[in-house]
C-alpha atoms as a PDB file:
ATOM      1  CA  MET A   1     -23.169   0.633  60.267  1.00  0.00           C
ATOM      2  CA  ARG A   2     -23.810   2.755  57.174  1.00  0.00           C
ATOM      3  CA  LEU A   3     -22.407   6.210  56.661  1.00  0.00           C
ATOM      4  CA  LYS A   4     -24.791   9.146  56.538  1.00  0.00           C
ATOM      5  CA  SER A   5     -26.092  10.137  53.116  1.00  0.00           C
ATOM      6  CA  ASP A   6     -24.799  13.708  53.302  1.00  0.00           C
ATOM      7  CA  PHE A   7     -21.282  12.459  54.147  1.00  0.00           C
ATOM      8  CA  ILE A   8     -21.255   9.997  51.230  1.00  0.00           C
ATOM      9  CA  ILE A   9     -22.504  12.662  48.830  1.00  0.00           C
ATOM     10  CA  SER A  10     -20.013  15.259  50.022  1.00  0.00           C
ATOM     11  CA  ALA A  11     -17.110  12.840  49.502  1.00  0.00           C
ATOM     12  CA  ALA A  12     -18.327  11.890  46.013  1.00  0.00           C
ATOM     13  CA  LEU A  13     -18.720  15.550  45.001  1.00  0.00           C
ATOM     14  CA  GLN A  14     -15.191  16.295  46.210  1.00  0.00           C
ATOM     15  CA  LYS A  15     -13.809  13.406  44.129  1.00  0.00           C
ATOM     16  CA  ALA A  16     -15.735  14.635  41.090  1.00  0.00           C
ATOM     17  CA  ASN A  17     -14.367  18.138  41.586  1.00  0.00           C
ATOM     18  CA  ARG A  18     -10.775  16.837  41.743  1.00  0.00           C
ATOM     19  CA  LEU A  19     -11.346  14.994  38.445  1.00  0.00           C
ATOM     20  CA  ALA A  20     -13.086  17.990  36.799  1.00  0.00           C
ATOM     21  CA  ILE A  21     -16.377  16.120  36.500  1.00  0.00           C
ATOM     22  CA  SER A  22     -19.408  18.396  36.577  1.00  0.00           C
ATOM     23  CA  ALA A  23     -21.571  17.237  39.489  1.00  0.00           C
ATOM     24  CA  PHE A  24     -24.072  18.970  41.731  1.00  0.00           C
ATOM     25  CA  ILE A  25     -26.926  18.364  44.136  1.00  0.00           C
ATOM     26  CA  HIS A  26     -30.166  18.523  42.172  1.00  0.00           C
ATOM     27  CA  LYS A  27     -32.309  17.791  45.238  1.00  0.00           C
ATOM     28  CA  LYS A  28     -31.206  17.696  48.845  1.00  0.00           C
ATOM     29  CA  GLY A  29     -32.671  14.910  50.963  1.00  0.00           C
ATOM     30  CA  ASP A  30     -32.533  13.572  54.482  1.00  0.00           C
ATOM     31  CA  PRO A  31     -28.937  14.052  55.712  1.00  0.00           C
ATOM     32  CA  ASP A  32     -28.876  10.825  57.698  1.00  0.00           C
ATOM     33  CA  ALA A  33     -30.526   8.124  55.636  1.00  0.00           C
ATOM     34  CA  GLY A  34     -32.036   9.613  52.475  1.00  0.00           C
ATOM     35  CA  ALA A  35     -32.082   7.395  49.405  1.00  0.00           C
ATOM     36  CA  ILE A  36     -29.592   8.465  46.728  1.00  0.00           C
ATOM     37  CA  PHE A  37     -30.397   8.769  43.021  1.00  0.00           C
ATOM     38  CA  LEU A  38     -27.719   9.573  40.474  1.00  0.00           C
ATOM     39  CA  GLU A  39     -28.584  11.207  37.159  1.00  0.00           C
ATOM     40  CA  LEU A  40     -25.754  10.517  34.677  1.00  0.00           C
ATOM     41  CA  GLU A  41     -25.849  12.653  31.554  1.00  0.00           C
ATOM     42  CA  SER A  42     -23.294  12.052  28.818  1.00  0.00           C
ATOM     43  CA  ASP A  43     -25.345  14.205  26.414  1.00  0.00           C
ATOM     44  CA  ARG A  44     -28.974  15.422  26.207  1.00  0.00           C
ATOM     45  CA  ASP A  45     -30.103  12.208  24.508  1.00  0.00           C
ATOM     46  CA  SER A  46     -28.088   9.866  26.689  1.00  0.00           C
ATOM     47  CA  VAL A  47     -29.083  10.068  30.349  1.00  0.00           C
ATOM     48  CA  GLN A  48     -29.304   7.284  32.909  1.00  0.00           C
ATOM     49  CA  LEU A  49     -30.855   7.223  36.361  1.00  0.00           C
ATOM     50  CA  LEU A  50     -29.179   5.065  38.999  1.00  0.00           C
ATOM     51  CA  HIS A  51     -30.396   4.226  42.489  1.00  0.00           C
ATOM     52  CA  ARG A  52     -28.199   3.186  45.404  1.00  0.00           C
ATOM     53  CA  ARG A  53     -29.373   0.086  47.215  1.00  0.00           C
ATOM     54  CA  PHE A  54     -27.909  -2.752  49.259  1.00  0.00           C
ATOM     55  CA  ASP A  55     -28.096  -6.505  48.816  1.00  0.00           C
ATOM     56  CA  PHE A  56     -28.702  -9.006  51.635  1.00  0.00           C
ATOM     57  CA  ASP A  57     -25.007  -8.944  52.568  1.00  0.00           C
ATOM     58  CA  GLU A  58     -25.045  -5.121  52.807  1.00  0.00           C
ATOM     59  CA  ASN A  59     -23.010  -4.723  49.594  1.00  0.00           C
ATOM     60  CA  GLU A  60     -23.687  -1.433  47.841  1.00  0.00           C
ATOM     61  CA  ILE A  61     -25.300  -1.786  44.398  1.00  0.00           C
ATOM     62  CA  TRP A  62     -25.983   0.987  41.896  1.00  0.00           C
ATOM     63  CA  GLU A  63     -29.055  -0.143  39.984  1.00  0.00           C
ATOM     64  CA  CYS A  64     -29.950   1.479  36.680  1.00  0.00           C
ATOM     65  CA  LEU A  65     -33.643   2.363  36.778  1.00  0.00           C
ATOM     66  CA  ASN A  66     -34.015   2.708  33.010  1.00  0.00           C
ATOM     67  CA  LYS A  67     -32.903  -0.878  32.292  1.00  0.00           C
ATOM     68  CA  GLY A  68     -29.386   0.138  31.296  1.00  0.00           C
ATOM     69  CA  GLU A  69     -30.574   2.013  28.232  1.00  0.00           C
ATOM     70  CA  PRO A  70     -29.771   5.735  28.082  1.00  0.00           C
ATOM     71  CA  GLN A  71     -32.836   7.916  27.613  1.00  0.00           C
ATOM     72  CA  PRO A  72     -33.452  11.520  26.513  1.00  0.00           C
ATOM     73  CA  ALA A  73     -33.113  14.052  29.335  1.00  0.00           C
ATOM     74  CA  TYR A  74     -36.827  14.901  29.485  1.00  0.00           C
ATOM     75  CA  ILE A  75     -37.776  11.266  30.158  1.00  0.00           C
ATOM     76  CA  ILE A  76     -35.286  11.007  33.024  1.00  0.00           C
ATOM     77  CA  SER A  77     -36.508  14.370  34.398  1.00  0.00           C
ATOM     78  CA  GLU A  78     -40.036  12.996  34.545  1.00  0.00           C
ATOM     79  CA  GLN A  79     -38.777   9.835  36.225  1.00  0.00           C
ATOM     80  CA  ILE A  80     -36.872  11.886  38.818  1.00  0.00           C
ATOM     81  CA  GLU A  81     -40.016  13.885  39.626  1.00  0.00           C
ATOM     82  CA  ARG A  82     -41.943  10.628  40.197  1.00  0.00           C
ATOM     83  CA  GLU A  83     -39.189   9.345  42.510  1.00  0.00           C
ATOM     84  CA  ILE A  84     -39.241  12.610  44.504  1.00  0.00           C
ATOM     85  CA  MET A  85     -43.034  12.370  44.873  1.00  0.00           C
ATOM     86  CA  ARG A  86     -42.658   8.802  46.200  1.00  0.00           C
ATOM     87  CA  ASP A  87     -39.799   9.686  48.541  1.00  0.00           C
ATOM     88  CA  PRO A  88     -39.498  13.394  49.423  1.00  0.00           C
ATOM     89  CA  ASP A  89     -36.451  12.617  51.628  1.00  0.00           C
ATOM     90  CA  CYS A  90     -34.376  11.311  48.709  1.00  0.00           C
ATOM     91  CA  TRP A  91     -31.278  12.957  47.252  1.00  0.00           C
ATOM     92  CA  VAL A  92     -30.762  13.484  43.530  1.00  0.00           C
ATOM     93  CA  ILE A  93     -27.217  14.080  42.336  1.00  0.00           C
ATOM     94  CA  SER A  94     -26.694  15.197  38.741  1.00  0.00           C
ATOM     95  CA  VAL A  95     -23.504  14.439  36.827  1.00  0.00           C
ATOM     96  CA  GLN A  96     -22.676  15.732  33.376  1.00  0.00           C
ATOM     97  CA  ASP A  97     -19.794  13.691  32.044  1.00  0.00           C
ATOM     98  CA  LYS A  98     -19.113  12.412  28.521  1.00  0.00           C
ATOM     99  CA  GLN A  99     -17.816   9.159  30.051  1.00  0.00           C
ATOM    100  CA  ALA A 100     -20.929   8.782  32.284  1.00  0.00           C
ATOM    101  CA  ARG A 101     -18.791   7.966  35.330  1.00  0.00           C
ATOM    102  CA  ASN A 102     -20.498   7.104  38.606  1.00  0.00           C
ATOM    103  CA  ILE A 103     -18.849   9.556  41.026  1.00  0.00           C
ATOM    104  CA  PHE A 104     -19.699   7.284  43.962  1.00  0.00           C
ATOM    105  CA  LYS A 105     -17.554   4.476  42.552  1.00  0.00           C
ATOM    106  CA  LEU A 106     -14.464   6.498  41.613  1.00  0.00           C
ATOM    107  CA  SER A 107     -11.170   5.564  43.209  1.00  0.00           C
ATOM    108  CA  SER A 108      -9.680   8.228  45.476  1.00  0.00           C
END
């Protein structure tokens, strides 16, 4: 059984806050099962967009949608808008962190 999206996001935001990582909800989605996108910005010219998915064994995977290459912020913004149009129930979490840490994978 998977945890609800809003619970997972709340826990990740709390961890980020404890570590002084700037993170916020850019777009609120379905609280139960909304897809989660993570915008990681280390600077305006170095932004990545990750998507949470699961493999066949139900292992969580954070897939980089821009092929692992950081992009300028405006390109990622356009990509986020396309994802929202495809899935209006999705969540988008924005993180501004020089180390580009995934707040969902931080240790407690």
